[in-house]
Amino acid sequence: MDVYRACLGCGEPTPAPRCPTCQAEVDRRTNQKRGGAHARGYTRTWQKRAAKVTRAQPACAVCGATSDLTVDHVVPKATGGNDDRDNLRTLCRRCNSSKGGRG
């Protein structure tokens, strides 16, 4: 059973922090500021490289989880990191999110 709370944008009841309409607006504004995934370099080439990294390292480097995996930049791209294999590692979404843009 979902717990409904007031949307952070419009105040309508929703099970998520924002209703779909308000979340879409937040995503649109965020992408205008930082560019979409493709504009930031996450192209088909990146997807292939990320798949190779995940196959080579099929568990989170921090907690060892084997599900909901992502590929992380050890040195974030925002601070000068690159897509070289030695700058990439597998993290679960939770560990990657807690790291944020920090190295």
PDB file of N, CA and C in Angstrom:
ATOM      1  N   MET A   1       0.837  -1.183   0.000  1.00  0.00           N
ATOM      2  CA  MET A   1       0.000   0.000   0.000  1.00  0.00           C
ATOM      3  C   MET A   1       0.882   1.248   0.000  1.00  0.00           C
ATOM      4  N   ASP A   2       0.614   2.149  -0.937  1.00  0.00           N
ATOM      5  CA  ASP A   2       1.377   3.372  -1.044  1.00  0.00           C
ATOM      6  C   ASP A   2       0.919   4.402  -0.011  1.00  0.00           C
ATOM      7  N   VAL A   3       1.874   5.141   0.525  1.00  0.00           N
ATOM      8  CA  VAL A   3       1.578   6.247   1.426  1.00  0.00           C
ATOM      9  C   VAL A   3       1.619   7.520   0.593  1.00  0.00           C
ATOM     10  N   TYR A   4       0.546   8.264   0.614  1.00  0.00           N
ATOM     11  CA  TYR A   4       0.469   9.484  -0.176  1.00  0.00           C
ATOM     12  C   TYR A   4       0.832  10.688   0.681  1.00  0.00           C
ATOM     13  N   ARG A   5       1.665  11.547   0.089  1.00  0.00           N
ATOM     14  CA  ARG A   5       2.058  12.800   0.730  1.00  0.00           C
ATOM     15  C   ARG A   5       1.824  13.925  -0.264  1.00  0.00           C
ATOM     16  N   ALA A   6       1.930  15.138   0.209  1.00  0.00           N
ATOM     17  CA  ALA A   6       1.753  16.285  -0.674  1.00  0.00           C
ATOM     18  C   ALA A   6       2.963  16.414  -1.600  1.00  0.00           C
ATOM     19  N   CYS A   7       2.696  16.632  -2.882  1.00  0.00           N
ATOM     20  CA  CYS A   7       3.753  16.852  -3.864  1.00  0.00           C
ATOM     21  C   CYS A   7       4.535  18.105  -3.458  1.00  0.00           C
ATOM     22  N   LEU A   8       5.864  18.043  -3.594  1.00  0.00           N
ATOM     23  CA  LEU A   8       6.697  19.191  -3.239  1.00  0.00           C
ATOM     24  C   LEU A   8       6.472  20.385  -4.154  1.00  0.00           C
ATOM     25  N   GLY A   9       5.917  20.121  -5.345  1.00  0.00           N
ATOM     26  CA  GLY A   9       5.686  21.212  -6.293  1.00  0.00           C
ATOM     27  C   GLY A   9       4.307  21.824  -6.182  1.00  0.00           C
ATOM     28  N   CYS A  10       3.270  20.979  -6.298  1.00  0.00           N
ATOM     29  CA  CYS A  10       1.906  21.517  -6.378  1.00  0.00           C
ATOM     30  C   CYS A  10       1.036  21.207  -5.168  1.00  0.00           C
ATOM     31  N   GLY A  11       1.478  20.283  -4.318  1.00  0.00           N
ATOM     32  CA  GLY A  11       0.714  19.970  -3.122  1.00  0.00           C
ATOM     33  C   GLY A  11      -0.312  18.864  -3.288  1.00  0.00           C
ATOM     34  N   GLU A  12      -0.459  18.330  -4.502  1.00  0.00           N
ATOM     35  CA  GLU A  12      -1.403  17.236  -4.736  1.00  0.00           C
ATOM     36  C   GLU A  12      -0.886  15.949  -4.084  1.00  0.00           C
ATOM     37  N   PRO A  13      -1.781  15.083  -3.617  1.00  0.00           N
ATOM     38  CA  PRO A  13      -1.351  13.816  -3.012  1.00  0.00           C
ATOM     39  C   PRO A  13      -0.636  12.932  -4.043  1.00  0.00           C
ATOM     40  N   THR A  14       0.503  12.363  -3.643  1.00  0.00           N
ATOM     41  CA  THR A  14       1.274  11.493  -4.526  1.00  0.00           C
ATOM     42  C   THR A  14       2.122  10.542  -3.677  1.00  0.00           C
ATOM     43  N   PRO A  15       2.387   9.315  -4.180  1.00  0.00           N
ATOM     44  CA  PRO A  15       3.229   8.389  -3.414  1.00  0.00           C
ATOM     45  C   PRO A  15       4.717   8.731  -3.509  1.00  0.00           C
ATOM     46  N   ALA A  16       5.101   9.537  -4.477  1.00  0.00           N
ATOM     47  CA  ALA A  16       6.500   9.949  -4.660  1.00  0.00           C
ATOM     48  C   ALA A  16       6.662  11.366  -4.113  1.00  0.00           C
ATOM     49  N   PRO A  17       7.892  11.848  -3.989  1.00  0.00           N
ATOM     50  CA  PRO A  17       8.073  13.223  -3.503  1.00  0.00           C
ATOM     51  C   PRO A  17       7.384  14.269  -4.378  1.00  0.00           C
ATOM     52  N   ARG A  18       7.340  14.006  -5.708  1.00  0.00           N
ATOM     53  CA  ARG A  18       6.676  14.928  -6.635  1.00  0.00           C
ATOM     54  C   ARG A  18       5.723  14.146  -7.523  1.00  0.00           C
ATOM     55  N   CYS A  19       4.649  14.788  -7.948  1.00  0.00           N
ATOM     56  CA  CYS A  19       3.742  14.162  -8.901  1.00  0.00           C
ATOM     57  C   CYS A  19       4.458  14.074 -10.251  1.00  0.00           C
ATOM     58  N   PRO A  20       4.001  13.223 -11.174  1.00  0.00           N
ATOM     59  CA  PRO A  20       4.689  13.075 -12.461  1.00  0.00           C
ATOM     60  C   PRO A  20       4.845  14.393 -13.221  1.00  0.00           C
ATOM     61  N   THR A  21       3.859  15.274 -13.171  1.00  0.00           N
ATOM     62  CA  THR A  21       3.944  16.548 -13.884  1.00  0.00           C
ATOM     63  C   THR A  21       5.047  17.429 -13.305  1.00  0.00           C
ATOM     64  N   CYS A  22       5.092  17.555 -11.988  1.00  0.00           N
ATOM     65  CA  CYS A  22       6.112  18.383 -11.345  1.00  0.00           C
ATOM     66  C   CYS A  22       7.497  17.762 -11.505  1.00  0.00           C
ATOM     67  N   GLN A  23       7.610  16.421 -11.443  1.00  0.00           N
ATOM     68  CA  GLN A  23       8.893  15.763 -11.617  1.00  0.00           C
ATOM     69  C   GLN A  23       9.421  15.984 -13.036  1.00  0.00           C
ATOM     70  N   ALA A  24       8.542  15.932 -14.021  1.00  0.00           N
ATOM     71  CA  ALA A  24       8.947  16.180 -15.407  1.00  0.00           C
ATOM     72  C   ALA A  24       9.492  17.596 -15.564  1.00  0.00           C
ATOM     73  N   GLU A  25       8.884  18.551 -14.889  1.00  0.00           N
ATOM     74  CA  GLU A  25       9.358  19.942 -14.954  1.00  0.00           C
ATOM     75  C   GLU A  25      10.726  20.078 -14.287  1.00  0.00           C
ATOM     76  N   VAL A  26      10.929  19.426 -13.152  1.00  0.00           N
ATOM     77  CA  VAL A  26      12.225  19.461 -12.474  1.00  0.00           C
ATOM     78  C   VAL A  26      13.291  18.836 -13.375  1.00  0.00           C
ATOM     79  N   ASP A  27      12.982  17.683 -13.995  1.00  0.00           N
ATOM     80  CA  ASP A  27      13.924  17.032 -14.896  1.00  0.00           C
ATOM     81  C   ASP A  27      14.259  17.919 -16.089  1.00  0.00           C
ATOM     82  N   ARG A  28      13.264  18.599 -16.644  1.00  0.00           N
ATOM     83  CA  ARG A  28      13.481  19.480 -17.787  1.00  0.00           C
ATOM     84  C   ARG A  28      14.430  20.616 -17.413  1.00  0.00           C
ATOM     85  N   ARG A  29      14.189  21.248 -16.259  1.00  0.00           N
ATOM     86  CA  ARG A  29      15.052  22.345 -15.817  1.00  0.00           C
ATOM     87  C   ARG A  29      16.469  21.858 -15.533  1.00  0.00           C
ATOM     88  N   THR A  30      16.590  20.697 -14.912  1.00  0.00           N
ATOM     89  CA  THR A  30      17.908  20.138 -14.614  1.00  0.00           C
ATOM     90  C   THR A  30      18.673  19.873 -15.898  1.00  0.00           C
ATOM     91  N   ASN A  31      18.019  19.285 -16.897  1.00  0.00           N
ATOM     92  CA  ASN A  31      18.684  18.982 -18.155  1.00  0.00           C
ATOM     93  C   ASN A  31      19.056  20.247 -18.915  1.00  0.00           C
ATOM     94  N   GLN A  32      18.281  21.317 -18.760  1.00  0.00           N
ATOM     95  CA  GLN A  32      18.645  22.583 -19.394  1.00  0.00           C
ATOM     96  C   GLN A  32      19.948  23.108 -18.808  1.00  0.00           C
ATOM     97  N   LYS A  33      20.122  22.958 -17.500  1.00  0.00           N
ATOM     98  CA  LYS A  33      21.315  23.465 -16.828  1.00  0.00           C
ATOM     99  C   LYS A  33      22.543  22.640 -17.172  1.00  0.00           C
ATOM    100  N   ARG A  34      22.437  21.311 -17.085  1.00  0.00           N
ATOM    101  CA  ARG A  34      23.623  20.473 -17.235  1.00  0.00           C
ATOM    102  C   ARG A  34      23.683  19.716 -18.544  1.00  0.00           C
ATOM    103  N   GLY A  35      22.648  19.801 -19.354  1.00  0.00           N
ATOM    104  CA  GLY A  35      22.614  19.054 -20.605  1.00  0.00           C
ATOM    105  C   GLY A  35      22.101  17.647 -20.363  1.00  0.00           C
ATOM    106  N   GLY A  36      21.501  17.066 -21.370  1.00  0.00           N
ATOM    107  CA  GLY A  36      20.998  15.701 -21.260  1.00  0.00           C
ATOM    108  C   GLY A  36      22.138  14.695 -21.216  1.00  0.00           C
ATOM    109  N   ALA A  37      21.804  13.438 -21.054  1.00  0.00           N
ATOM    110  CA  ALA A  37      22.813  12.390 -20.953  1.00  0.00           C
ATOM    111  C   ALA A  37      23.710  12.372 -22.195  1.00  0.00           C
ATOM    112  N   HIS A  38      23.122  12.494 -23.364  1.00  0.00           N
ATOM    113  CA  HIS A  38      23.910  12.462 -24.599  1.00  0.00           C
ATOM    114  C   HIS A  38      24.874  13.654 -24.666  1.00  0.00           C
ATOM    115  N   ALA A  39      24.401  14.812 -24.262  1.00  0.00           N
ATOM    116  CA  ALA A  39      25.245  16.008 -24.283  1.00  0.00           C
ATOM    117  C   ALA A  39      26.416  15.893 -23.304  1.00  0.00           C
ATOM    118  N   ARG A  40      26.246  15.105 -22.234  1.00  0.00           N
ATOM    119  CA  ARG A  40      27.308  14.926 -21.245  1.00  0.00           C
ATOM    120  C   ARG A  40      28.245  13.777 -21.600  1.00  0.00           C
ATOM    121  N   GLY A  41      28.011  13.117 -22.750  1.00  0.00           N
ATOM    122  CA  GLY A  41      28.934  12.088 -23.209  1.00  0.00           C
ATOM    123  C   GLY A  41      28.486  10.668 -22.983  1.00  0.00           C
ATOM    124  N   TYR A  42      27.270  10.449 -22.517  1.00  0.00           N
ATOM    125  CA  TYR A  42      26.785   9.098 -22.270  1.00  0.00           C
ATOM    126  C   TYR A  42      26.064   8.587 -23.515  1.00  0.00           C
ATOM    127  N   THR A  43      26.863   8.273 -24.534  1.00  0.00           N
ATOM    128  CA  THR A  43      26.368   7.849 -25.837  1.00  0.00           C
ATOM    129  C   THR A  43      26.353   6.328 -25.919  1.00  0.00           C
ATOM    130  N   ARG A  44      26.103   5.808 -27.111  1.00  0.00           N
ATOM    131  CA  ARG A  44      26.108   4.358 -27.325  1.00  0.00           C
ATOM    132  C   ARG A  44      27.497   3.786 -27.023  1.00  0.00           C
ATOM    133  N   THR A  45      28.535   4.530 -27.355  1.00  0.00           N
ATOM    134  CA  THR A  45      29.899   4.092 -27.054  1.00  0.00           C
ATOM    135  C   THR A  45      30.073   3.912 -25.552  1.00  0.00           C
ATOM    136  N   TRP A  46      29.534   4.857 -24.768  1.00  0.00           N
ATOM    137  CA  TRP A  46      29.602   4.749 -23.309  1.00  0.00           C
ATOM    138  C   TRP A  46      28.832   3.529 -22.831  1.00  0.00           C
ATOM    139  N   GLN A  47      27.662   3.289 -23.382  1.00  0.00           N
ATOM    140  CA  GLN A  47      26.855   2.142 -22.964  1.00  0.00           C
ATOM    141  C   GLN A  47      27.611   0.832 -23.193  1.00  0.00           C
ATOM    142  N   LYS A  48      28.315   0.721 -24.316  1.00  0.00           N
ATOM    143  CA  LYS A  48      29.103  -0.485 -24.590  1.00  0.00           C
ATOM    144  C   LYS A  48      30.246  -0.625 -23.587  1.00  0.00           C
ATOM    145  N   ARG A  49      30.935   0.484 -23.309  1.00  0.00           N
ATOM    146  CA  ARG A  49      32.045   0.452 -22.355  1.00  0.00           C
ATOM    147  C   ARG A  49      31.533   0.084 -20.960  1.00  0.00           C
ATOM    148  N   ALA A  50      30.410   0.651 -20.558  1.00  0.00           N
ATOM    149  CA  ALA A  50      29.838   0.356 -19.238  1.00  0.00           C
ATOM    150  C   ALA A  50      29.449  -1.115 -19.135  1.00  0.00           C
ATOM    151  N   ALA A  51      28.915  -1.681 -20.212  1.00  0.00           N
ATOM    152  CA  ALA A  51      28.547  -3.102 -20.205  1.00  0.00           C
ATOM    153  C   ALA A  51      29.790  -3.978 -20.022  1.00  0.00           C
ATOM    154  N   LYS A  52      30.907  -3.616 -20.648  1.00  0.00           N
ATOM    155  CA  LYS A  52      32.153  -4.367 -20.490  1.00  0.00           C
ATOM    156  C   LYS A  52      32.649  -4.305 -19.051  1.00  0.00           C
ATOM    157  N   VAL A  53      32.576  -3.113 -18.446  1.00  0.00           N
ATOM    158  CA  VAL A  53      33.031  -2.946 -17.067  1.00  0.00           C
ATOM    159  C   VAL A  53      32.180  -3.800 -16.130  1.00  0.00           C
ATOM    160  N   THR A  54      30.879  -3.799 -16.336  1.00  0.00           N
ATOM    161  CA  THR A  54      29.981  -4.572 -15.478  1.00  0.00           C
ATOM    162  C   THR A  54      30.213  -6.073 -15.644  1.00  0.00           C
ATOM    163  N   ARG A  55      30.481  -6.520 -16.877  1.00  0.00           N
ATOM    164  CA  ARG A  55      30.775  -7.944 -17.096  1.00  0.00           C
ATOM    165  C   ARG A  55      32.081  -8.336 -16.411  1.00  0.00           C
ATOM    166  N   ALA A  56      33.079  -7.454 -16.467  1.00  0.00           N
ATOM    167  CA  ALA A  56      34.375  -7.751 -15.862  1.00  0.00           C
ATOM    168  C   ALA A  56      34.328  -7.706 -14.339  1.00  0.00           C
ATOM    169  N   GLN A  57      33.471  -6.858 -13.798  1.00  0.00           N
ATOM    170  CA  GLN A  57      33.352  -6.689 -12.346  1.00  0.00           C
ATOM    171  C   GLN A  57      31.869  -6.752 -11.990  1.00  0.00           C
ATOM    172  N   PRO A  58      31.298  -7.950 -11.835  1.00  0.00           N
ATOM    173  CA  PRO A  58      29.848  -8.103 -11.687  1.00  0.00           C
ATOM    174  C   PRO A  58      29.291  -7.867 -10.276  1.00  0.00           C
ATOM    175  N   ALA A  59      30.030  -7.162  -9.423  1.00  0.00           N
ATOM    176  CA  ALA A  59      29.553  -6.856  -8.075  1.00  0.00           C
ATOM    177  C   ALA A  59      30.008  -5.453  -7.693  1.00  0.00           C
ATOM    178  N   CYS A  60      29.262  -4.827  -6.798  1.00  0.00           N
ATOM    179  CA  CYS A  60      29.597  -3.489  -6.321  1.00  0.00           C
ATOM    180  C   CYS A  60      30.965  -3.503  -5.638  1.00  0.00           C
ATOM    181  N   ALA A  61      31.826  -2.576  -5.998  1.00  0.00           N
ATOM    182  CA  ALA A  61      33.169  -2.495  -5.432  1.00  0.00           C
ATOM    183  C   ALA A  61      33.152  -2.064  -3.967  1.00  0.00           C
ATOM    184  N   VAL A  62      32.048  -1.484  -3.499  1.00  0.00           N
ATOM    185  CA  VAL A  62      31.972  -1.002  -2.124  1.00  0.00           C
ATOM    186  C   VAL A  62      31.296  -2.025  -1.216  1.00  0.00           C
ATOM    187  N   CYS A  63      30.077  -2.456  -1.584  1.00  0.00           N
ATOM    188  CA  CYS A  63      29.310  -3.319  -0.680  1.00  0.00           C
ATOM    189  C   CYS A  63      29.169  -4.756  -1.179  1.00  0.00           C
ATOM    190  N   GLY A  64      29.528  -5.029  -2.417  1.00  0.00           N
ATOM    191  CA  GLY A  64      29.452  -6.388  -2.941  1.00  0.00           C
ATOM    192  C   GLY A  64      28.108  -6.793  -3.520  1.00  0.00           C
ATOM    193  N   ALA A  65      27.158  -5.873  -3.593  1.00  0.00           N
ATOM    194  CA  ALA A  65      25.837  -6.188  -4.144  1.00  0.00           C
ATOM    195  C   ALA A  65      25.978  -6.625  -5.606  1.00  0.00           C
ATOM    196  N   THR A  66      25.077  -7.484  -6.047  1.00  0.00           N
ATOM    197  CA  THR A  66      25.130  -7.977  -7.428  1.00  0.00           C
ATOM    198  C   THR A  66      23.918  -7.562  -8.243  1.00  0.00           C
ATOM    199  N   SER A  67      23.076  -6.717  -7.705  1.00  0.00           N
ATOM    200  CA  SER A  67      21.907  -6.257  -8.459  1.00  0.00           C
ATOM    201  C   SER A  67      21.881  -4.734  -8.505  1.00  0.00           C
ATOM    202  N   ASP A  68      21.161  -4.195  -9.483  1.00  0.00           N
ATOM    203  CA  ASP A  68      21.006  -2.751  -9.673  1.00  0.00           C
ATOM    204  C   ASP A  68      22.374  -2.065  -9.792  1.00  0.00           C
ATOM    205  N   LEU A  69      23.220  -2.612 -10.672  1.00  0.00           N
ATOM    206  CA  LEU A  69      24.589  -2.121 -10.809  1.00  0.00           C
ATOM    207  C   LEU A  69      24.687  -0.963 -11.795  1.00  0.00           C
ATOM    208  N   THR A  70      25.613  -0.052 -11.532  1.00  0.00           N
ATOM    209  CA  THR A  70      25.924   1.071 -12.405  1.00  0.00           C
ATOM    210  C   THR A  70      27.442   1.130 -12.557  1.00  0.00           C
ATOM    211  N   VAL A  71      27.905   1.923 -13.497  1.00  0.00           N
ATOM    212  CA  VAL A  71      29.345   2.133 -13.647  1.00  0.00           C
ATOM    213  C   VAL A  71      29.657   3.542 -13.161  1.00  0.00           C
ATOM    214  N   ASP A  72      30.668   3.628 -12.319  1.00  0.00           N
ATOM    215  CA  ASP A  72      31.037   4.867 -11.658  1.00  0.00           C
ATOM    216  C   ASP A  72      32.391   5.347 -12.154  1.00  0.00           C
ATOM    217  N   HIS A  73      32.546   6.657 -12.257  1.00  0.00           N
ATOM    218  CA  HIS A  73      33.843   7.260 -12.527  1.00  0.00           C
ATOM    219  C   HIS A  73      34.537   7.471 -11.184  1.00  0.00           C
ATOM    220  N   VAL A  74      35.717   6.895 -11.004  1.00  0.00           N
ATOM    221  CA  VAL A  74      36.469   7.081  -9.758  1.00  0.00           C
ATOM    222  C   VAL A  74      36.747   8.569  -9.571  1.00  0.00           C
ATOM    223  N   VAL A  75      37.293   9.211 -10.599  1.00  0.00           N
ATOM    224  CA  VAL A  75      37.433  10.668 -10.625  1.00  0.00           C
ATOM    225  C   VAL A  75      36.279  11.168 -11.492  1.00  0.00           C
ATOM    226  N   PRO A  76      35.295  11.874 -10.917  1.00  0.00           N
ATOM    227  CA  PRO A  76      34.108  12.278 -11.665  1.00  0.00           C
ATOM    228  C   PRO A  76      34.452  13.096 -12.910  1.00  0.00           C
ATOM    229  N   LYS A  77      33.629  12.914 -13.943  1.00  0.00           N
ATOM    230  CA  LYS A  77      33.831  13.675 -15.177  1.00  0.00           C
ATOM    231  C   LYS A  77      33.742  15.175 -14.908  1.00  0.00           C
ATOM    232  N   ALA A  78      32.911  15.557 -13.943  1.00  0.00           N
ATOM    233  CA  ALA A  78      32.721  16.974 -13.618  1.00  0.00           C
ATOM    234  C   ALA A  78      33.994  17.609 -13.074  1.00  0.00           C
ATOM    235  N   THR A  79      34.902  16.789 -12.532  1.00  0.00           N
ATOM    236  CA  THR A  79      36.144  17.331 -11.987  1.00  0.00           C
ATOM    237  C   THR A  79      37.360  16.901 -12.804  1.00  0.00           C
ATOM    238  N   GLY A  80      37.128  16.559 -14.078  1.00  0.00           N
ATOM    239  CA  GLY A  80      38.236  16.260 -14.969  1.00  0.00           C
ATOM    240  C   GLY A  80      38.499  14.794 -15.226  1.00  0.00           C
ATOM    241  N   GLY A  81      37.668  13.905 -14.687  1.00  0.00           N
ATOM    242  CA  GLY A  81      37.847  12.478 -14.930  1.00  0.00           C
ATOM    243  C   GLY A  81      37.524  12.135 -16.378  1.00  0.00           C
ATOM    244  N   ASN A  82      37.923  10.945 -16.798  1.00  0.00           N
ATOM    245  CA  ASN A  82      37.673  10.531 -18.177  1.00  0.00           C
ATOM    246  C   ASN A  82      37.017   9.161 -18.197  1.00  0.00           C
ATOM    247  N   ASP A  83      36.795   8.637 -19.391  1.00  0.00           N
ATOM    248  CA  ASP A  83      36.135   7.344 -19.554  1.00  0.00           C
ATOM    249  C   ASP A  83      37.122   6.200 -19.724  1.00  0.00           C
ATOM    250  N   ASP A  84      38.401   6.398 -19.387  1.00  0.00           N
ATOM    251  CA  ASP A  84      39.386   5.323 -19.487  1.00  0.00           C
ATOM    252  C   ASP A  84      39.016   4.197 -18.524  1.00  0.00           C
ATOM    253  N   ARG A  85      39.355   2.979 -18.888  1.00  0.00           N
ATOM    254  CA  ARG A  85      38.994   1.800 -18.094  1.00  0.00           C
ATOM    255  C   ARG A  85      39.508   1.890 -16.655  1.00  0.00           C
ATOM    256  N   ASP A  86      40.687   2.471 -16.462  1.00  0.00           N
ATOM    257  CA  ASP A  86      41.235   2.551 -15.103  1.00  0.00           C
ATOM    258  C   ASP A  86      40.548   3.604 -14.236  1.00  0.00           C
ATOM    259  N   ASN A  87      39.645   4.390 -14.811  1.00  0.00           N
ATOM    260  CA  ASN A  87      38.880   5.376 -14.042  1.00  0.00           C
ATOM    261  C   ASN A  87      37.440   4.907 -13.823  1.00  0.00           C
ATOM    262  N   LEU A  88      37.129   3.667 -14.189  1.00  0.00           N
ATOM    263  CA  LEU A  88      35.763   3.161 -14.068  1.00  0.00           C
ATOM    264  C   LEU A  88      35.706   1.982 -13.108  1.00  0.00           C
ATOM    265  N   ARG A  89      34.605   1.877 -12.381  1.00  0.00           N
ATOM    266  CA  ARG A  89      34.377   0.737 -11.495  1.00  0.00           C
ATOM    267  C   ARG A  89      32.885   0.495 -11.394  1.00  0.00           C
ATOM    268  N   THR A  90      32.518  -0.692 -10.982  1.00  0.00           N
ATOM    269  CA  THR A  90      31.119  -1.047 -10.817  1.00  0.00           C
ATOM    270  C   THR A  90      30.686  -0.725  -9.392  1.00  0.00           C
ATOM    271  N   LEU A  91      29.562  -0.008  -9.275  1.00  0.00           N
ATOM    272  CA  LEU A  91      28.940   0.255  -7.977  1.00  0.00           C
ATOM    273  C   LEU A  91      27.448  -0.038  -8.099  1.00  0.00           C
ATOM    274  N   CYS A  92      26.827  -0.421  -7.005  1.00  0.00           N
ATOM    275  CA  CYS A  92      25.365  -0.534  -7.024  1.00  0.00           C
ATOM    276  C   CYS A  92      24.800   0.888  -7.018  1.00  0.00           C
ATOM    277  N   ARG A  93      23.565   1.036  -7.397  1.00  0.00           N
ATOM    278  CA  ARG A  93      22.957   2.362  -7.489  1.00  0.00           C
ATOM    279  C   ARG A  93      23.001   3.083  -6.139  1.00  0.00           C
ATOM    280  N   ARG A  94      22.797   2.344  -5.052  1.00  0.00           N
ATOM    281  CA  ARG A  94      22.797   2.974  -3.730  1.00  0.00           C
ATOM    282  C   ARG A  94      24.171   3.566  -3.388  1.00  0.00           C
ATOM    283  N   CYS A  95      25.233   2.803  -3.602  1.00  0.00           N
ATOM    284  CA  CYS A  95      26.589   3.305  -3.310  1.00  0.00           C
ATOM    285  C   CYS A  95      26.959   4.444  -4.255  1.00  0.00           C
ATOM    286  N   ASN A  96      26.571   4.337  -5.526  1.00  0.00           N
ATOM    287  CA  ASN A  96      26.889   5.374  -6.486  1.00  0.00           C
ATOM    288  C   ASN A  96      26.145   6.664  -6.140  1.00  0.00           C
ATOM    289  N   SER A  97      24.895   6.553  -5.738  1.00  0.00           N
ATOM    290  CA  SER A  97      24.124   7.738  -5.373  1.00  0.00           C
ATOM    291  C   SER A  97      24.662   8.399  -4.112  1.00  0.00           C
ATOM    292  N   SER A  98      25.111   7.598  -3.161  1.00  0.00           N
ATOM    293  CA  SER A  98      25.629   8.183  -1.926  1.00  0.00           C
ATOM    294  C   SER A  98      26.968   8.885  -2.180  1.00  0.00           C
ATOM    295  N   LYS A  99      27.689   8.437  -3.208  1.00  0.00           N
ATOM    296  CA  LYS A  99      28.950   9.083  -3.567  1.00  0.00           C
ATOM    297  C   LYS A  99      28.689  10.433  -4.211  1.00  0.00           C
ATOM    298  N   GLY A 100      27.644  10.538  -5.007  1.00  0.00           N
ATOM    299  CA  GLY A 100      27.318  11.775  -5.695  1.00  0.00           C
ATOM    300  C   GLY A 100      28.423  12.167  -6.655  1.00  0.00           C
ATOM    301  N   GLY A 101      28.744  13.440  -6.779  1.00  0.00           N
ATOM    302  CA  GLY A 101      29.789  13.911  -7.676  1.00  0.00           C
ATOM    303  C   GLY A 101      31.139  14.004  -7.008  1.00  0.00           C
ATOM    304  N   ARG A 102      31.288  13.345  -5.872  1.00  0.00           N
ATOM    305  CA  ARG A 102      32.560  13.407  -5.139  1.00  0.00           C
ATOM    306  C   ARG A 102      33.423  12.214  -5.524  1.00  0.00           C
ATOM    307  N   GLY A 103      34.702  12.396  -5.514  1.00  0.00           N
ATOM    308  CA  GLY A 103      35.665  11.346  -5.899  1.00  0.00           C
ATOM    309  C   GLY A 103      35.909  10.326  -4.860  1.00  0.00           C
TER     310      GLY A 103
END
